[in-house]
Amino acid sequence: MKTNMGAVDRVIRLFLVVLITLLYFTNNITGTAAIILGILALIFLGTSFTGFCPLYYPFKIRTTERNKSE
């Protein structure tokens, strides 16, 4: 897997994970919304740590800075 996520993209996703977690533990989201957002938070967490987003791959999206040699 080649990294296709830049630092800003990763930080935004981690911020969203923290926000969803806070909303869940303060009981602002419950039920189905909590489950869906919880799954989304886990996906964001995983992609942030690996630096690879599978949805970016087929569309050839990269948020990393490209080297001048590329």
Protein backbone atom coordinates (compact mmCIF):
# COMPACT_ATOMS: atom_id res chain seq x y z
CA MET A 1 0.00 0.00 0.00
CA LYS A 2 1.32 3.36 -1.02
CA THR A 3 0.48 6.33 1.20
CA ASN A 4 -2.15 8.52 -0.43
CA MET A 5 -3.15 10.74 2.51
CA GLY A 6 -1.35 13.90 3.55
CA ALA A 7 -0.80 15.16 7.08
CA VAL A 8 -3.70 17.62 6.99
CA ASP A 9 -6.11 14.92 5.80
CA ARG A 10 -4.97 12.61 8.59
CA VAL A 11 -5.29 15.28 11.29
CA ILE A 12 -8.81 16.19 10.13
CA ARG A 13 -9.84 12.53 10.33
CA LEU A 14 -8.36 12.18 13.82
CA PHE A 15 -10.20 15.34 14.90
CA LEU A 16 -13.46 13.80 13.63
CA VAL A 17 -12.73 10.61 15.58
CA VAL A 18 -12.30 12.65 18.77
CA LEU A 19 -15.47 14.64 18.04
CA ILE A 20 -17.56 11.51 17.43
CA THR A 21 -16.15 9.91 20.59
CA LEU A 22 -17.01 12.99 22.67
CA LEU A 23 -20.53 13.14 21.23
CA TYR A 24 -21.05 9.46 22.04
CA PHE A 25 -19.80 9.61 25.63
CA THR A 26 -21.83 12.76 26.37
CA ASN A 27 -24.95 10.99 25.05
CA ASN A 28 -25.49 13.49 22.24
CA ILE A 29 -25.67 10.65 19.72
CA THR A 30 -27.41 7.37 20.44
CA GLY A 31 -28.98 4.43 18.67
CA THR A 32 -28.42 3.87 14.98
CA ALA A 33 -26.61 7.19 14.50
CA ALA A 34 -24.12 6.21 17.22
CA ILE A 35 -23.46 2.85 15.57
CA ILE A 36 -22.98 4.33 12.10
CA LEU A 37 -20.76 7.17 13.33
CA GLY A 38 -18.83 4.71 15.52
CA ILE A 39 -18.05 2.54 12.50
CA LEU A 40 -17.06 5.63 10.52
CA ALA A 41 -14.80 6.74 13.38
CA LEU A 42 -13.06 3.34 13.39
CA ILE A 43 -12.51 3.57 9.64
CA PHE A 44 -11.13 7.11 9.99
CA LEU A 45 -8.85 5.97 12.79
CA GLY A 46 -7.48 3.10 10.74
CA THR A 47 -6.92 5.15 7.61
CA SER A 48 -5.26 7.94 9.62
CA PHE A 49 -2.70 5.58 11.11
CA THR A 50 -1.95 3.74 7.88
CA GLY A 51 -1.99 6.83 5.67
CA PHE A 52 -3.89 4.90 3.00
CA CYS A 53 -7.53 5.47 2.04
CA PRO A 54 -9.00 2.69 -0.11
CA LEU A 55 -11.64 5.03 -1.53
CA TYR A 56 -8.98 7.39 -2.86
CA TYR A 57 -7.22 4.61 -4.79
CA PRO A 58 -9.69 3.95 -7.66
CA PHE A 59 -10.10 7.69 -8.28
CA LYS A 60 -6.33 8.30 -8.15
CA ILE A 61 -6.76 10.90 -5.40
CA ARG A 62 -3.69 11.83 -3.36
CA THR A 63 -3.56 14.47 -0.66
CA THR A 64 0.17 13.98 -0.15
CA GLU A 65 2.64 16.40 -1.60
CA ARG A 66 4.19 15.07 -4.77
CA ASN A 67 7.93 15.04 -5.20
CA LYS A 68 9.33 17.13 -8.04
CA SER A 69 10.67 13.93 -9.62
CA GLU A 70 7.16 12.44 -9.99
